[in-house]
Amino acid sequence: MLASWTQDDFTAGGVRLHYYRTGHGDKRPLVLVHGFSDSGLCWSRTAHDLEADYDVIMPDMRGHGLSARMRPGDDVDMAADLAGLIRGLGLKRPIVGGHSMGAAVSYQTGLRFPELASALLLEDPPWWMGRPVPPPGRSDEHPMSDWGKSLAGKTLAELLAQYREEQPHWSDELVRSMAESKKQLDQAIVDTLVDKLNSEGSGWLTTIQDITQPVLLLTANPELGGIVTPEVQAKVRELNPRVTIVNVPDVGHLIRYDNYAAFMDALRAFLAQIPS
């Protein structure tokens, strides 16, 4: 985190969200939402490159980073959490975007609170074509849930070493932010989020035509781990031809981590087309 950036907490609807911010309200706001098990600082490189033109806000979502932990009986609604943060910070029609879980949160925010978001960036959202929904609470049916729970048994040093070995092209800053975020993940929220992402994974099919904001959908290669398939892309085009779809064919789910140049080229081109 740069010394010129700020960080703070904001509580909306009883949920405390920690956030990082590059500006002070004097530039167009851009809200970037991290994926499952990540944190706001995982957007640092993008924020570095866009802060000259945008006031970039990077929240830690509930159960992640330095934000509130899940309490017994909580109904986790991250889109409502994000809407509360946008309103609470007085952000005027920000561009809202995210990766994976964060893309799902951004999409729901744009859908349910259309007055808040001027445009949407969706980096490989968890969208499927009628994917079967496993019974709630069956973590053995969810490899992602088992993986999330396994993080509790790893030390920060082990995670740093693992990322450096598996992702030798990643910067030290990205490796550290990714490893630290894994140790900050609230284990109590893992099954809840995985069940929600799986159960809502085909909901876009009945709502994408209702989205009126400009949308950039960034997709990857399913053979390398990308979620959004060519079939899903074709259906999106059919249901809402206003959506801009950019496929990055040489990477998997972590698009901006593995081909940052392609990600930023697509993002900058999209941002340049959004009316001020």
C-alpha atoms as a PDB file:
ATOM      1  CA  MET A   1       0.000   0.000   0.000  1.00  0.00           C
ATOM      2  CA  LEU A   2       1.399   3.381  -1.001  1.00  0.00           C
ATOM      3  CA  ALA A   3       1.979   5.978   1.689  1.00  0.00           C
ATOM      4  CA  SER A   4      -0.347   8.388  -0.144  1.00  0.00           C
ATOM      5  CA  TRP A   5      -3.264   5.945   0.070  1.00  0.00           C
ATOM      6  CA  THR A   6      -5.636   5.849   3.014  1.00  0.00           C
ATOM      7  CA  GLN A   7      -7.419   3.035   4.813  1.00  0.00           C
ATOM      8  CA  ASP A   8     -10.373   3.121   7.152  1.00  0.00           C
ATOM      9  CA  ASP A   9     -13.465   1.266   8.358  1.00  0.00           C
ATOM     10  CA  PHE A  10     -17.075   2.015   7.555  1.00  0.00           C
ATOM     11  CA  THR A  11     -20.089   0.336   9.122  1.00  0.00           C
ATOM     12  CA  ALA A  12     -23.325   0.018   7.161  1.00  0.00           C
ATOM     13  CA  GLY A  13     -26.257  -2.172   8.116  1.00  0.00           C
ATOM     14  CA  GLY A  14     -24.306  -3.385  11.116  1.00  0.00           C
ATOM     15  CA  VAL A  15     -21.454  -4.723   8.963  1.00  0.00           C
ATOM     16  CA  ARG A  16     -17.995  -3.189   9.330  1.00  0.00           C
ATOM     17  CA  LEU A  17     -16.017  -3.069   6.095  1.00  0.00           C
ATOM     18  CA  HIS A  18     -12.356  -2.107   5.908  1.00  0.00           C
ATOM     19  CA  TYR A  19     -11.289  -0.360   2.726  1.00  0.00           C
ATOM     20  CA  TYR A  20      -8.264   1.149   0.994  1.00  0.00           C
ATOM     21  CA  ARG A  21      -8.492   4.275  -1.128  1.00  0.00           C
ATOM     22  CA  THR A  22      -6.154   6.026  -3.523  1.00  0.00           C
ATOM     23  CA  GLY A  23      -7.947   9.385  -3.691  1.00  0.00           C
ATOM     24  CA  HIS A  24     -10.002  11.856  -1.724  1.00  0.00           C
ATOM     25  CA  GLY A  25     -13.167  12.246  -3.758  1.00  0.00           C
ATOM     26  CA  ASP A  26     -11.738  14.592  -6.377  1.00  0.00           C
ATOM     27  CA  LYS A  27     -11.714  12.032  -9.215  1.00  0.00           C
ATOM     28  CA  ARG A  28     -14.216   9.609 -10.693  1.00  0.00           C
ATOM     29  CA  PRO A  29     -14.735   6.739  -8.222  1.00  0.00           C
ATOM     30  CA  LEU A  30     -13.822   3.181  -9.197  1.00  0.00           C
ATOM     31  CA  VAL A  31     -14.731   0.419  -6.736  1.00  0.00           C
ATOM     32  CA  LEU A  32     -12.831  -2.867  -7.138  1.00  0.00           C
ATOM     33  CA  VAL A  33     -13.995  -5.998  -5.316  1.00  0.00           C
ATOM     34  CA  HIS A  34     -11.692  -8.956  -4.674  1.00  0.00           C
ATOM     35  CA  GLY A  35     -12.406 -12.634  -5.141  1.00  0.00           C
ATOM     36  CA  PHE A  36     -13.038 -15.388  -2.606  1.00  0.00           C
ATOM     37  CA  SER A  37     -10.193 -15.658  -0.052  1.00  0.00           C
ATOM     38  CA  ASP A  38      -8.483 -12.507  -1.413  1.00  0.00           C
ATOM     39  CA  SER A  39      -8.504  -8.960  -0.012  1.00  0.00           C
ATOM     40  CA  GLY A  40      -8.751  -5.398  -1.258  1.00  0.00           C
ATOM     41  CA  LEU A  41      -4.994  -5.078  -1.566  1.00  0.00           C
ATOM     42  CA  CYS A  42      -4.984  -7.793  -4.223  1.00  0.00           C
ATOM     43  CA  TRP A  43      -6.100  -4.965  -6.554  1.00  0.00           C
ATOM     44  CA  SER A  44      -3.038  -2.844  -5.712  1.00  0.00           C
ATOM     45  CA  ARG A  45      -1.308  -3.048  -9.087  1.00  0.00           C
ATOM     46  CA  THR A  46      -4.432  -1.994 -10.954  1.00  0.00           C
ATOM     47  CA  ALA A  47      -4.988   0.811  -8.460  1.00  0.00           C
ATOM     48  CA  HIS A  48      -1.387   2.009  -8.912  1.00  0.00           C
ATOM     49  CA  ASP A  49      -1.926   2.274 -12.654  1.00  0.00           C
ATOM     50  CA  LEU A  50      -5.331   3.982 -12.524  1.00  0.00           C
ATOM     51  CA  GLU A  51      -5.034   6.348  -9.567  1.00  0.00           C
ATOM     52  CA  ALA A  52      -3.941   9.281 -11.736  1.00  0.00           C
ATOM     53  CA  ASP A  53      -7.399   9.302 -13.308  1.00  0.00           C
ATOM     54  CA  TYR A  54      -9.613   7.537 -10.763  1.00  0.00           C
ATOM     55  CA  ASP A  55     -10.338   7.525  -7.050  1.00  0.00           C
ATOM     56  CA  VAL A  56      -9.921   3.773  -6.525  1.00  0.00           C
ATOM     57  CA  ILE A  57     -11.668   2.197  -3.544  1.00  0.00           C
ATOM     58  CA  MET A  58     -10.736  -1.403  -2.651  1.00  0.00           C
ATOM     59  CA  PRO A  59     -12.876  -2.894   0.139  1.00  0.00           C
ATOM     60  CA  ASP A  60     -12.187  -6.013   2.129  1.00  0.00           C
ATOM     61  CA  MET A  61     -15.514  -7.822   1.904  1.00  0.00           C
ATOM     62  CA  ARG A  62     -17.150  -9.412   4.929  1.00  0.00           C
ATOM     63  CA  GLY A  63     -15.106 -12.307   6.288  1.00  0.00           C
ATOM     64  CA  HIS A  64     -12.038 -11.197   4.331  1.00  0.00           C
ATOM     65  CA  GLY A  65      -9.030  -9.016   5.032  1.00  0.00           C
ATOM     66  CA  LEU A  66      -9.607  -6.715   7.983  1.00  0.00           C
ATOM     67  CA  SER A  67     -13.400  -6.562   7.706  1.00  0.00           C
ATOM     68  CA  ALA A  68     -16.037  -7.971  10.053  1.00  0.00           C
ATOM     69  CA  ARG A  69     -16.165 -11.664  10.791  1.00  0.00           C
ATOM     70  CA  MET A  70     -19.301 -13.723  10.231  1.00  0.00           C
ATOM     71  CA  ARG A  71     -21.579 -14.024  13.249  1.00  0.00           C
ATOM     72  CA  PRO A  72     -23.898 -16.950  14.004  1.00  0.00           C
ATOM     73  CA  GLY A  73     -27.145 -16.548  12.106  1.00  0.00           C
ATOM     74  CA  ASP A  74     -25.808 -13.908   9.707  1.00  0.00           C
ATOM     75  CA  ASP A  75     -27.462 -13.681   6.312  1.00  0.00           C
ATOM     76  CA  VAL A  76     -24.492 -12.753   4.145  1.00  0.00           C
ATOM     77  CA  ASP A  77     -25.476 -10.256   1.445  1.00  0.00           C
ATOM     78  CA  MET A  78     -22.285  -8.763   0.036  1.00  0.00           C
ATOM     79  CA  ALA A  79     -24.091  -6.722  -2.622  1.00  0.00           C
ATOM     80  CA  ALA A  80     -26.040  -4.969   0.124  1.00  0.00           C
ATOM     81  CA  ASP A  81     -22.784  -4.535   2.082  1.00  0.00           C
ATOM     82  CA  LEU A  82     -21.150  -2.920  -0.948  1.00  0.00           C
ATOM     83  CA  ALA A  83     -24.167  -0.711  -1.634  1.00  0.00           C
ATOM     84  CA  GLY A  84     -24.002   0.479   1.968  1.00  0.00           C
ATOM     85  CA  LEU A  85     -20.328   1.340   1.584  1.00  0.00           C
ATOM     86  CA  ILE A  86     -20.922   3.232  -1.680  1.00  0.00           C
ATOM     87  CA  ARG A  87     -23.713   5.248  -0.090  1.00  0.00           C
ATOM     88  CA  GLY A  88     -21.822   5.772   3.142  1.00  0.00           C
ATOM     89  CA  LEU A  89     -18.726   7.126   1.417  1.00  0.00           C
ATOM     90  CA  GLY A  90     -20.872   9.393  -0.736  1.00  0.00           C
ATOM     91  CA  LEU A  91     -19.545   7.926  -3.988  1.00  0.00           C
ATOM     92  CA  LYS A  92     -21.351   9.365  -6.995  1.00  0.00           C
ATOM     93  CA  ARG A  93     -22.222   6.656  -9.529  1.00  0.00           C
ATOM     94  CA  PRO A  94     -18.936   4.771  -9.302  1.00  0.00           C
ATOM     95  CA  ILE A  95     -17.737   2.236 -11.818  1.00  0.00           C
ATOM     96  CA  VAL A  96     -17.974  -1.065  -9.937  1.00  0.00           C
ATOM     97  CA  GLY A  97     -15.996  -4.159 -10.794  1.00  0.00           C
ATOM     98  CA  GLY A  98     -14.602  -7.341  -9.387  1.00  0.00           C
ATOM     99  CA  HIS A  99     -12.948 -10.685  -9.914  1.00  0.00           C
ATOM    100  CA  SER A 100     -14.708 -14.034  -9.440  1.00  0.00           C
ATOM    101  CA  MET A 101     -16.746 -13.675  -6.209  1.00  0.00           C
ATOM    102  CA  GLY A 102     -16.155  -9.931  -6.507  1.00  0.00           C
ATOM    103  CA  ALA A 103     -17.566 -10.004 -10.036  1.00  0.00           C
ATOM    104  CA  ALA A 104     -20.700 -11.714  -8.714  1.00  0.00           C
ATOM    105  CA  VAL A 105     -20.992  -9.064  -5.984  1.00  0.00           C
ATOM    106  CA  SER A 106     -20.471  -6.271  -8.523  1.00  0.00           C
ATOM    107  CA  TYR A 107     -23.076  -7.745 -10.857  1.00  0.00           C
ATOM    108  CA  GLN A 108     -25.666  -8.047  -8.087  1.00  0.00           C
ATOM    109  CA  THR A 109     -24.926  -4.493  -6.982  1.00  0.00           C
ATOM    110  CA  GLY A 110     -25.522  -3.201 -10.503  1.00  0.00           C
ATOM    111  CA  LEU A 111     -28.666  -5.290 -10.861  1.00  0.00           C
ATOM    112  CA  ARG A 112     -30.284  -4.560  -7.506  1.00  0.00           C
ATOM    113  CA  PHE A 113     -29.002  -1.030  -6.969  1.00  0.00           C
ATOM    114  CA  PRO A 114     -28.798   0.353 -10.529  1.00  0.00           C
ATOM    115  CA  GLU A 115     -28.786   3.940  -9.284  1.00  0.00           C
ATOM    116  CA  LEU A 116     -25.420   3.345  -7.596  1.00  0.00           C
ATOM    117  CA  ALA A 117     -23.234   1.942 -10.379  1.00  0.00           C
ATOM    118  CA  SER A 118     -22.497   3.672 -13.697  1.00  0.00           C
ATOM    119  CA  ALA A 119     -20.729   0.671 -15.267  1.00  0.00           C
ATOM    120  CA  LEU A 120     -19.678  -2.878 -14.388  1.00  0.00           C
ATOM    121  CA  LEU A 121     -16.399  -4.766 -14.801  1.00  0.00           C
ATOM    122  CA  LEU A 122     -16.740  -8.543 -14.437  1.00  0.00           C
ATOM    123  CA  GLU A 123     -13.518 -10.562 -14.425  1.00  0.00           C
ATOM    124  CA  ASP A 124     -14.408 -14.257 -14.914  1.00  0.00           C
ATOM    125  CA  PRO A 125     -17.552 -14.310 -12.740  1.00  0.00           C
ATOM    126  CA  PRO A 126     -18.859 -17.622 -11.354  1.00  0.00           C
ATOM    127  CA  TRP A 127     -21.484 -18.048 -14.088  1.00  0.00           C
ATOM    128  CA  TRP A 128     -22.642 -21.423 -15.328  1.00  0.00           C
ATOM    129  CA  MET A 129     -25.346 -22.833 -17.587  1.00  0.00           C
ATOM    130  CA  GLY A 130     -27.689 -24.608 -15.185  1.00  0.00           C
ATOM    131  CA  ARG A 131     -24.939 -26.063 -13.021  1.00  0.00           C
ATOM    132  CA  PRO A 132     -26.389 -28.641 -10.555  1.00  0.00           C
ATOM    133  CA  VAL A 133     -26.553 -27.309  -7.009  1.00  0.00           C
ATOM    134  CA  PRO A 134     -25.135 -29.618  -4.314  1.00  0.00           C
ATOM    135  CA  PRO A 135     -27.054 -29.854  -1.023  1.00  0.00           C
ATOM    136  CA  PRO A 136     -26.243 -26.955   1.344  1.00  0.00           C
ATOM    137  CA  GLY A 137     -23.632 -27.756   3.959  1.00  0.00           C
ATOM    138  CA  ARG A 138     -22.096 -30.638   2.009  1.00  0.00           C
ATOM    139  CA  SER A 139     -18.524 -29.382   1.929  1.00  0.00           C
ATOM    140  CA  ASP A 140     -17.389 -32.699   0.464  1.00  0.00           C
ATOM    141  CA  GLU A 141     -19.290 -31.660  -2.667  1.00  0.00           C
ATOM    142  CA  HIS A 142     -17.359 -28.387  -2.882  1.00  0.00           C
ATOM    143  CA  PRO A 143     -13.616 -28.604  -3.598  1.00  0.00           C
ATOM    144  CA  MET A 144     -13.402 -24.816  -3.187  1.00  0.00           C
ATOM    145  CA  SER A 145     -14.824 -25.101   0.315  1.00  0.00           C
ATOM    146  CA  ASP A 146     -12.332 -27.795   1.270  1.00  0.00           C
ATOM    147  CA  TRP A 147      -9.507 -25.687  -0.172  1.00  0.00           C
ATOM    148  CA  GLY A 148     -10.649 -22.636   1.779  1.00  0.00           C
ATOM    149  CA  LYS A 149     -10.700 -24.592   5.018  1.00  0.00           C
ATOM    150  CA  SER A 150      -7.257 -26.037   4.340  1.00  0.00           C
ATOM    151  CA  LEU A 151      -5.745 -22.544   4.514  1.00  0.00           C
ATOM    152  CA  ALA A 152      -6.136 -22.501   8.291  1.00  0.00           C
ATOM    153  CA  GLY A 153      -3.518 -25.229   8.564  1.00  0.00           C
ATOM    154  CA  LYS A 154      -0.851 -23.347   6.620  1.00  0.00           C
ATOM    155  CA  THR A 155       1.476 -20.716   7.986  1.00  0.00           C
ATOM    156  CA  LEU A 156       2.089 -17.415   6.243  1.00  0.00           C
ATOM    157  CA  ALA A 157       5.645 -18.534   5.478  1.00  0.00           C
ATOM    158  CA  GLU A 158       4.347 -21.710   3.846  1.00  0.00           C
ATOM    159  CA  LEU A 159       1.870 -19.762   1.725  1.00  0.00           C
ATOM    160  CA  LEU A 160       4.534 -17.266   0.642  1.00  0.00           C
ATOM    161  CA  ALA A 161       6.835 -20.099  -0.399  1.00  0.00           C
ATOM    162  CA  GLN A 162       4.003 -21.874  -2.221  1.00  0.00           C
ATOM    163  CA  TYR A 163       2.999 -18.812  -4.239  1.00  0.00           C
ATOM    164  CA  ARG A 164       6.607 -17.993  -5.111  1.00  0.00           C
ATOM    165  CA  GLU A 165       7.126 -21.532  -6.376  1.00  0.00           C
ATOM    166  CA  GLU A 166       3.834 -21.820  -8.267  1.00  0.00           C
ATOM    167  CA  GLN A 167       3.739 -18.257  -9.631  1.00  0.00           C
ATOM    168  CA  PRO A 168       7.361 -17.222 -10.292  1.00  0.00           C
ATOM    169  CA  HIS A 169       6.247 -14.381 -12.589  1.00  0.00           C
ATOM    170  CA  TRP A 170       4.195 -12.674  -9.871  1.00  0.00           C
ATOM    171  CA  SER A 171       5.611  -9.601  -8.142  1.00  0.00           C
ATOM    172  CA  ASP A 172       6.629  -9.756  -4.477  1.00  0.00           C
ATOM    173  CA  GLU A 173       3.789  -7.344  -3.704  1.00  0.00           C
ATOM    174  CA  LEU A 174       1.181  -9.627  -5.263  1.00  0.00           C
ATOM    175  CA  VAL A 175       2.620 -12.752  -3.647  1.00  0.00           C
ATOM    176  CA  ARG A 176       2.524 -11.126  -0.219  1.00  0.00           C
ATOM    177  CA  SER A 177      -0.985  -9.713  -0.592  1.00  0.00           C
ATOM    178  CA  MET A 178      -2.314 -13.060  -1.791  1.00  0.00           C
ATOM    179  CA  ALA A 179      -0.621 -15.024   0.983  1.00  0.00           C
ATOM    180  CA  GLU A 180      -1.664 -12.595   3.706  1.00  0.00           C
ATOM    181  CA  SER A 181      -5.255 -12.572   2.510  1.00  0.00           C
ATOM    182  CA  LYS A 182      -5.444 -16.342   2.877  1.00  0.00           C
ATOM    183  CA  LYS A 183      -4.522 -16.092   6.551  1.00  0.00           C
ATOM    184  CA  GLN A 184      -7.138 -13.356   7.019  1.00  0.00           C
ATOM    185  CA  LEU A 185      -9.989 -15.457   5.607  1.00  0.00           C
ATOM    186  CA  ASP A 186     -12.768 -16.062   8.138  1.00  0.00           C
ATOM    187  CA  GLN A 187     -13.237 -19.822   8.230  1.00  0.00           C
ATOM    188  CA  ALA A 188     -16.803 -19.355   9.486  1.00  0.00           C
ATOM    189  CA  ILE A 189     -17.870 -17.828   6.178  1.00  0.00           C
ATOM    190  CA  VAL A 190     -16.345 -20.383   3.802  1.00  0.00           C
ATOM    191  CA  ASP A 191     -19.256 -22.837   3.449  1.00  0.00           C
ATOM    192  CA  THR A 192     -21.828 -20.036   3.371  1.00  0.00           C
ATOM    193  CA  LEU A 193     -20.096 -18.264   0.504  1.00  0.00           C
ATOM    194  CA  VAL A 194     -19.377 -21.388  -1.499  1.00  0.00           C
ATOM    195  CA  ASP A 195     -23.009 -22.523  -1.197  1.00  0.00           C
ATOM    196  CA  LYS A 196     -24.209 -19.052  -2.234  1.00  0.00           C
ATOM    197  CA  LEU A 197     -21.881 -18.819  -5.240  1.00  0.00           C
ATOM    198  CA  ASN A 198     -22.914 -22.270  -6.431  1.00  0.00           C
ATOM    199  CA  SER A 199     -26.635 -21.733  -5.921  1.00  0.00           C
ATOM    200  CA  GLU A 200     -26.569 -18.349  -7.678  1.00  0.00           C
ATOM    201  CA  GLY A 201     -24.222 -19.426 -10.476  1.00  0.00           C
ATOM    202  CA  SER A 202     -26.928 -19.557 -13.160  1.00  0.00           C
ATOM    203  CA  GLY A 203     -28.998 -16.617 -11.914  1.00  0.00           C
ATOM    204  CA  TRP A 204     -27.546 -14.334 -14.579  1.00  0.00           C
ATOM    205  CA  LEU A 205     -29.616 -16.229 -17.167  1.00  0.00           C
ATOM    206  CA  THR A 206     -32.814 -14.553 -15.983  1.00  0.00           C
ATOM    207  CA  THR A 207     -31.373 -11.136 -15.142  1.00  0.00           C
ATOM    208  CA  ILE A 208     -28.643 -10.182 -17.638  1.00  0.00           C
ATOM    209  CA  GLN A 209     -31.212  -8.644 -19.990  1.00  0.00           C
ATOM    210  CA  ASP A 210     -32.218  -6.242 -17.195  1.00  0.00           C
ATOM    211  CA  ILE A 211     -28.753  -4.732 -16.861  1.00  0.00           C
ATOM    212  CA  THR A 212     -28.729  -1.248 -18.350  1.00  0.00           C
ATOM    213  CA  GLN A 213     -25.197  -0.112 -17.455  1.00  0.00           C
ATOM    214  CA  PRO A 214     -22.217  -0.647 -19.749  1.00  0.00           C
ATOM    215  CA  VAL A 215     -20.651  -4.014 -18.881  1.00  0.00           C
ATOM    216  CA  LEU A 216     -17.206  -5.442 -19.597  1.00  0.00           C
ATOM    217  CA  LEU A 217     -17.065  -9.217 -19.233  1.00  0.00           C
ATOM    218  CA  LEU A 218     -13.504 -10.566 -19.206  1.00  0.00           C
ATOM    219  CA  THR A 219     -13.194 -14.297 -19.811  1.00  0.00           C
ATOM    220  CA  ALA A 220     -10.367 -16.836 -19.860  1.00  0.00           C
ATOM    221  CA  ASN A 221      -9.624 -20.331 -21.144  1.00  0.00           C
ATOM    222  CA  PRO A 222     -11.751 -23.019 -19.415  1.00  0.00           C
ATOM    223  CA  GLU A 223      -9.052 -25.597 -20.174  1.00  0.00           C
ATOM    224  CA  LEU A 224      -6.690 -23.538 -17.998  1.00  0.00           C
ATOM    225  CA  GLY A 225      -9.203 -22.969 -15.209  1.00  0.00           C
ATOM    226  CA  GLY A 226     -11.400 -20.172 -16.542  1.00  0.00           C
ATOM    227  CA  ILE A 227     -15.015 -20.319 -15.359  1.00  0.00           C
ATOM    228  CA  VAL A 228     -16.984 -18.585 -18.120  1.00  0.00           C
ATOM    229  CA  THR A 229     -17.292 -21.001 -21.031  1.00  0.00           C
ATOM    230  CA  PRO A 230     -17.850 -20.176 -24.724  1.00  0.00           C
ATOM    231  CA  GLU A 231     -21.433 -21.408 -24.241  1.00  0.00           C
ATOM    232  CA  VAL A 232     -22.004 -18.880 -21.473  1.00  0.00           C
ATOM    233  CA  GLN A 233     -20.440 -16.120 -23.569  1.00  0.00           C
ATOM    234  CA  ALA A 234     -22.731 -16.927 -26.494  1.00  0.00           C
ATOM    235  CA  LYS A 235     -25.773 -16.840 -24.239  1.00  0.00           C
ATOM    236  CA  VAL A 236     -24.728 -13.486 -22.770  1.00  0.00           C
ATOM    237  CA  ARG A 237     -24.433 -12.059 -26.302  1.00  0.00           C
ATOM    238  CA  GLU A 238     -27.877 -13.411 -27.145  1.00  0.00           C
ATOM    239  CA  LEU A 239     -29.581 -12.053 -24.022  1.00  0.00           C
ATOM    240  CA  ASN A 240     -27.772  -8.703 -23.780  1.00  0.00           C
ATOM    241  CA  PRO A 241     -25.787  -7.742 -26.882  1.00  0.00           C
ATOM    242  CA  ARG A 242     -24.748  -4.499 -25.155  1.00  0.00           C
ATOM    243  CA  VAL A 243     -22.270  -6.426 -22.989  1.00  0.00           C
ATOM    244  CA  THR A 244     -18.668  -6.085 -24.159  1.00  0.00           C
ATOM    245  CA  ILE A 245     -16.927  -9.472 -23.989  1.00  0.00           C
ATOM    246  CA  VAL A 246     -13.145  -9.766 -24.136  1.00  0.00           C
ATOM    247  CA  ASN A 247     -11.578 -13.216 -24.048  1.00  0.00           C
ATOM    248  CA  VAL A 248      -7.972 -13.662 -22.925  1.00  0.00           C
ATOM    249  CA  PRO A 249      -7.194 -17.116 -24.336  1.00  0.00           C
ATOM    250  CA  ASP A 250      -3.813 -17.847 -22.758  1.00  0.00           C
ATOM    251  CA  VAL A 251      -4.792 -17.711 -19.075  1.00  0.00           C
ATOM    252  CA  GLY A 252      -7.092 -19.314 -16.549  1.00  0.00           C
ATOM    253  CA  HIS A 253      -9.253 -17.847 -13.805  1.00  0.00           C
ATOM    254  CA  LEU A 254      -6.636 -15.356 -12.545  1.00  0.00           C
ATOM    255  CA  ILE A 255      -6.760 -13.226 -15.676  1.00  0.00           C
ATOM    256  CA  ARG A 256      -5.156 -10.007 -14.497  1.00  0.00           C
ATOM    257  CA  TYR A 257      -2.483 -11.830 -12.502  1.00  0.00           C
ATOM    258  CA  ASP A 258      -1.350 -13.946 -15.430  1.00  0.00           C
ATOM    259  CA  ASN A 259      -1.758 -11.525 -18.358  1.00  0.00           C
ATOM    260  CA  TYR A 260      -1.876  -8.104 -16.812  1.00  0.00           C
ATOM    261  CA  ALA A 261      -1.195  -6.274 -20.075  1.00  0.00           C
ATOM    262  CA  ALA A 262      -4.201  -7.843 -21.822  1.00  0.00           C
ATOM    263  CA  PHE A 263      -6.391  -7.181 -18.804  1.00  0.00           C
ATOM    264  CA  MET A 264      -5.406  -3.517 -18.607  1.00  0.00           C
ATOM    265  CA  ASP A 265      -5.716  -2.964 -22.358  1.00  0.00           C
ATOM    266  CA  ALA A 266      -9.303  -4.232 -22.224  1.00  0.00           C
ATOM    267  CA  LEU A 267     -10.104  -2.279 -19.071  1.00  0.00           C
ATOM    268  CA  ARG A 268      -8.672   1.019 -20.328  1.00  0.00           C
ATOM    269  CA  ALA A 269     -10.519   0.700 -23.637  1.00  0.00           C
ATOM    270  CA  PHE A 270     -13.750   0.055 -21.750  1.00  0.00           C
ATOM    271  CA  LEU A 271     -13.251   2.921 -19.306  1.00  0.00           C
ATOM    272  CA  ALA A 272     -12.563   5.321 -22.162  1.00  0.00           C
ATOM    273  CA  GLN A 273     -16.050   4.626 -23.581  1.00  0.00           C
ATOM    274  CA  ILE A 274     -17.998   5.307 -20.382  1.00  0.00           C
ATOM    275  CA  PRO A 275     -19.657   8.732 -20.418  1.00  0.00           C
ATOM    276  CA  SER A 276     -18.380  11.048 -17.697  1.00  0.00           C
END
